[in-house]
Amino acid sequence: KNSKIKKKIYAHCLDYDTYLKTKEETKINGSPYAVYVDQDLANHIGFKVLKEEPPVSENQYYPALLNFFKDFKNKTGLNIKVAVHPKSIDNKIPKLFKGFNYSVGNTAWLIKNSKVVLAHTSTAISFAILFKKPIIYLTSKEIKKSWFQPRIERFSEVTNGKIININENLNLKLDSKELFYIDEEKYKQYLDNYLKTPNSPDIPLWEIVTKYLKSYSI
């Protein structure tokens, strides 16, 4: 907004293109569910590339996560569907999410059709904002001691979403009104600040760019 560059292209992030496409797809009418947006927190290749310590260990995090899924389902009546991170190690997925429905490559569609989104800090939170789905942020004993926790807290702050510790909150009553609440003002601010320039056209990003460039061609 404060850039001194005279020629600006008012557009949106690439996730918004996916949103536009997914919005037009047929909505399913099956049983309501919650979607967990996986980030492969124990084994993501990015941690090795960036020389960062994974915020969780596989043997501690996933058993706690699955226990939370079961408890969440018992208290809310919602099944859990897992949107697996596309860079996850394929042969580990069946073990890590044993007993739960999981799939790869359809995160936006799963979020669109969900009742609520369970997440950490994934950029796929953009789809929860765009489809106006409530977001519950998950942390754990391990995560709270790691560099990852402040990121979760920041996402929670900017969207006004609830944080649940999967190790400690299992026996607490889940308040549906609180868990499924959406702060529409915060969501609008997130949309305007991070996803789409206000009043920019609802057409694919590169179509916006090419139209702009053509308008300056000789």
Protein backbone atom coordinates (compact mmCIF):
# COMPACT_ATOMS: atom_id res chain seq x y z
CA LYS A 1 0.00 0.00 0.00
CA ASN A 2 2.87 2.36 0.78
CA SER A 3 4.97 1.47 -2.23
CA LYS A 4 6.09 4.41 -4.38
CA ILE A 5 5.94 2.30 -7.54
CA LYS A 6 3.51 4.00 -9.92
CA LYS A 7 2.26 0.98 -11.82
CA LYS A 8 0.64 -1.60 -9.54
CA ILE A 9 -1.28 -4.75 -10.34
CA TYR A 10 -4.08 -5.25 -7.86
CA ALA A 11 -4.62 -8.96 -7.55
CA HIS A 12 -4.44 -11.89 -5.11
CA CYS A 13 -2.33 -14.84 -3.97
CA LEU A 14 -2.31 -18.12 -5.89
CA ASP A 15 -4.44 -19.80 -3.22
CA TYR A 16 -7.26 -17.52 -4.29
CA ASP A 17 -7.14 -19.07 -7.76
CA THR A 18 -7.62 -22.47 -6.16
CA TYR A 19 -10.48 -21.04 -4.12
CA LEU A 20 -12.22 -19.70 -7.24
CA LYS A 21 -11.99 -23.10 -8.90
CA THR A 22 -13.02 -25.08 -5.81
CA LYS A 23 -15.94 -22.75 -5.08
CA GLU A 24 -17.59 -23.84 -8.31
CA GLU A 25 -17.25 -27.56 -7.59
CA THR A 26 -20.26 -29.46 -6.33
CA LYS A 27 -20.63 -29.50 -2.57
CA ILE A 28 -21.09 -32.91 -0.96
CA ASN A 29 -24.06 -33.66 1.28
CA GLY A 30 -22.51 -36.40 3.42
CA SER A 31 -22.10 -36.54 7.19
CA PRO A 32 -20.52 -33.41 8.71
CA TYR A 33 -16.84 -33.68 9.54
CA ALA A 34 -13.80 -31.80 10.81
CA VAL A 35 -10.70 -31.62 8.62
CA TYR A 36 -7.19 -31.77 10.04
CA VAL A 37 -4.61 -29.92 7.93
CA ASP A 38 -1.45 -31.99 8.24
CA GLN A 39 1.96 -30.29 8.11
CA ASP A 40 4.15 -33.38 8.53
CA LEU A 41 5.53 -31.82 11.70
CA ALA A 42 7.89 -34.64 12.59
CA ASN A 43 9.42 -35.44 9.21
CA HIS A 44 8.99 -32.50 6.84
CA ILE A 45 11.93 -32.22 4.46
CA GLY A 46 11.94 -28.45 4.97
CA PHE A 47 13.29 -28.85 8.49
CA LYS A 48 16.39 -30.59 7.12
CA VAL A 49 16.84 -28.03 4.35
CA LEU A 50 16.56 -25.11 6.78
CA LYS A 51 18.48 -26.98 9.50
CA GLU A 52 15.61 -26.58 11.95
CA GLU A 53 14.71 -29.00 14.71
CA PRO A 54 11.27 -30.55 14.10
CA PRO A 55 8.82 -29.19 16.70
CA VAL A 56 7.55 -32.69 17.51
CA SER A 57 8.76 -36.28 17.62
CA GLU A 58 6.85 -38.90 15.68
CA ASN A 59 6.51 -41.33 18.61
CA GLN A 60 4.99 -38.69 20.92
CA TYR A 61 3.00 -36.42 18.66
CA TYR A 62 0.95 -38.80 16.53
CA PRO A 63 -0.39 -41.03 19.36
CA ALA A 64 -1.48 -37.87 21.19
CA LEU A 65 -3.02 -36.48 18.00
CA LEU A 66 -5.02 -39.65 17.30
CA ASN A 67 -6.25 -39.73 20.90
CA PHE A 68 -7.38 -36.14 20.47
CA PHE A 69 -9.18 -37.04 17.24
CA LYS A 70 -11.10 -39.79 19.03
CA ASP A 71 -12.01 -37.54 21.92
CA PHE A 72 -13.01 -34.72 19.58
CA LYS A 73 -15.27 -37.07 17.65
CA ASN A 74 -16.89 -38.37 20.84
CA LYS A 75 -17.61 -34.86 22.10
CA THR A 76 -18.73 -33.23 18.84
CA GLY A 77 -20.08 -36.14 16.80
CA LEU A 78 -17.85 -35.10 13.91
CA ASN A 79 -15.69 -37.55 12.02
CA ILE A 80 -12.13 -36.47 11.28
CA LYS A 81 -10.73 -36.31 7.75
CA VAL A 82 -7.01 -35.70 7.30
CA ALA A 83 -5.69 -33.50 4.50
CA VAL A 84 -2.21 -35.05 4.28
CA HIS A 85 0.73 -32.78 3.51
CA PRO A 86 1.80 -33.42 -0.13
CA LYS A 87 5.45 -33.96 0.82
CA SER A 88 4.75 -36.55 3.51
CA ILE A 89 6.55 -39.90 3.24
CA ASP A 90 3.95 -42.14 1.59
CA ASN A 91 4.73 -45.38 3.42
CA LYS A 92 4.36 -43.70 6.83
CA ILE A 93 0.91 -42.18 6.29
CA PRO A 94 -1.18 -45.35 6.93
CA LYS A 95 0.57 -45.88 10.27
CA LEU A 96 0.54 -42.26 11.42
CA PHE A 97 -3.18 -41.80 10.71
CA LYS A 98 -4.34 -45.35 11.35
CA GLY A 99 -8.10 -45.59 11.73
CA PHE A 100 -8.84 -42.22 10.14
CA ASN A 101 -9.83 -41.13 6.65
CA TYR A 102 -6.96 -39.38 4.85
CA SER A 103 -6.21 -38.11 1.37
CA VAL A 104 -3.66 -36.02 -0.53
CA GLY A 105 -4.11 -33.22 -3.03
CA ASN A 106 -7.65 -32.06 -2.19
CA THR A 107 -7.13 -29.82 0.84
CA ALA A 108 -9.19 -26.88 -0.45
CA TRP A 109 -12.11 -29.16 -1.32
CA LEU A 110 -11.98 -30.88 2.08
CA ILE A 111 -12.00 -27.53 3.85
CA LYS A 112 -14.86 -26.22 1.71
CA ASN A 113 -17.06 -29.15 2.72
CA SER A 114 -16.00 -29.31 6.38
CA LYS A 115 -17.71 -28.13 9.53
CA VAL A 116 -14.52 -26.96 11.24
CA VAL A 117 -10.78 -26.88 10.49
CA LEU A 118 -8.09 -28.25 12.83
CA ALA A 119 -4.70 -26.77 12.04
CA HIS A 120 -1.35 -25.43 13.24
CA THR A 121 0.16 -22.78 10.95
CA SER A 122 -0.40 -24.15 7.45
CA THR A 123 -0.85 -21.67 4.61
CA ALA A 124 -3.96 -23.75 3.82
CA ILE A 125 -5.58 -21.74 6.60
CA SER A 126 -6.22 -19.35 3.70
CA PHE A 127 -8.96 -21.70 2.49
CA ALA A 128 -10.60 -21.74 5.92
CA ILE A 129 -10.71 -17.94 5.76
CA LEU A 130 -12.06 -17.88 2.21
CA PHE A 131 -14.72 -20.51 2.83
CA LYS A 132 -15.52 -18.97 6.24
CA LYS A 133 -14.83 -22.06 8.32
CA PRO A 134 -14.03 -21.88 12.05
CA ILE A 135 -10.41 -22.74 12.88
CA ILE A 136 -9.16 -24.58 15.96
CA TYR A 137 -5.39 -24.35 16.43
CA LEU A 138 -3.67 -27.39 17.88
CA THR A 139 -0.60 -27.37 20.07
CA SER A 140 1.02 -29.96 22.35
CA LYS A 141 3.51 -30.26 25.20
CA GLU A 142 6.33 -30.64 22.70
CA ILE A 143 5.19 -27.79 20.49
CA LYS A 144 4.81 -25.39 23.43
CA LYS A 145 8.52 -25.83 24.18
CA SER A 146 9.56 -25.31 20.57
CA TRP A 147 10.12 -22.42 18.16
CA PHE A 148 6.83 -23.38 16.51
CA GLN A 149 4.51 -22.25 19.32
CA PRO A 150 4.75 -18.46 18.69
CA ARG A 151 3.62 -19.05 15.11
CA ILE A 152 0.49 -20.84 16.28
CA GLU A 153 -0.22 -18.06 18.75
CA ARG A 154 0.16 -15.45 16.01
CA PHE A 155 -2.29 -17.23 13.71
CA SER A 156 -4.71 -17.57 16.61
CA GLU A 157 -4.38 -13.87 17.34
CA VAL A 158 -5.00 -12.62 13.80
CA THR A 159 -8.04 -14.89 13.26
CA ASN A 160 -9.35 -15.01 16.85
CA GLY A 161 -9.29 -18.81 16.79
CA LYS A 162 -9.17 -21.09 19.84
CA ILE A 163 -5.96 -22.97 20.75
CA ILE A 164 -6.27 -26.49 22.18
CA ASN A 165 -3.42 -28.50 23.69
CA ILE A 166 -3.94 -32.07 22.51
CA ASN A 167 -2.16 -33.43 25.59
CA GLU A 168 -4.01 -31.46 28.22
CA ASN A 169 -7.50 -30.58 27.02
CA LEU A 170 -8.84 -34.05 26.25
CA ASN A 171 -11.08 -34.20 29.31
CA LEU A 172 -12.46 -30.70 28.95
CA LYS A 173 -15.96 -30.19 27.63
CA LEU A 174 -15.86 -28.80 24.11
CA ASP A 175 -18.19 -25.82 23.85
CA SER A 176 -19.70 -25.91 20.36
CA LYS A 177 -20.58 -22.22 20.37
CA GLU A 178 -17.00 -21.33 21.19
CA LEU A 179 -15.33 -23.85 18.90
CA PHE A 180 -17.45 -23.06 15.87
CA TYR A 181 -17.32 -19.29 16.29
CA ILE A 182 -16.02 -17.11 13.45
CA ASP A 183 -14.82 -13.57 13.99
CA GLU A 184 -15.98 -12.13 10.68
CA GLU A 185 -14.10 -8.85 11.16
CA LYS A 186 -10.80 -10.70 11.76
CA TYR A 187 -11.44 -12.94 8.76
CA LYS A 188 -12.07 -9.90 6.56
CA GLN A 189 -8.85 -8.28 7.78
CA TYR A 190 -6.92 -11.50 7.04
CA LEU A 191 -8.43 -11.63 3.56
CA ASP A 192 -7.54 -8.01 2.80
CA ASN A 193 -4.05 -8.11 4.34
CA TYR A 194 -2.75 -11.46 3.15
CA LEU A 195 -4.90 -12.99 0.41
CA LYS A 196 -6.57 -10.50 -1.91
CA THR A 197 -6.38 -6.79 -2.63
CA PRO A 198 -9.81 -5.30 -1.82
CA ASN A 199 -11.99 -4.86 -4.94
CA SER A 200 -9.56 -6.69 -7.22
CA PRO A 201 -11.27 -8.85 -9.88
CA ASP A 202 -12.38 -12.44 -9.22
CA ILE A 203 -10.49 -13.92 -12.15
CA PRO A 204 -7.30 -16.03 -12.31
CA LEU A 205 -4.14 -14.21 -11.24
CA TRP A 206 -2.27 -14.57 -14.53
CA GLU A 207 -5.30 -13.32 -16.42
CA ILE A 208 -5.14 -10.17 -14.29
CA VAL A 209 -1.41 -9.84 -14.99
CA THR A 210 -1.66 -10.41 -18.75
CA LYS A 211 -4.56 -7.98 -19.11
CA TYR A 212 -2.54 -5.37 -17.27
CA LEU A 213 0.54 -5.93 -19.42
CA LYS A 214 -1.48 -5.81 -22.63
CA SER A 215 -2.92 -2.46 -21.61
CA TYR A 216 0.63 -1.07 -21.76
CA SER A 217 1.69 -2.76 -24.98
CA ILE A 218 2.45 -0.63 -28.01
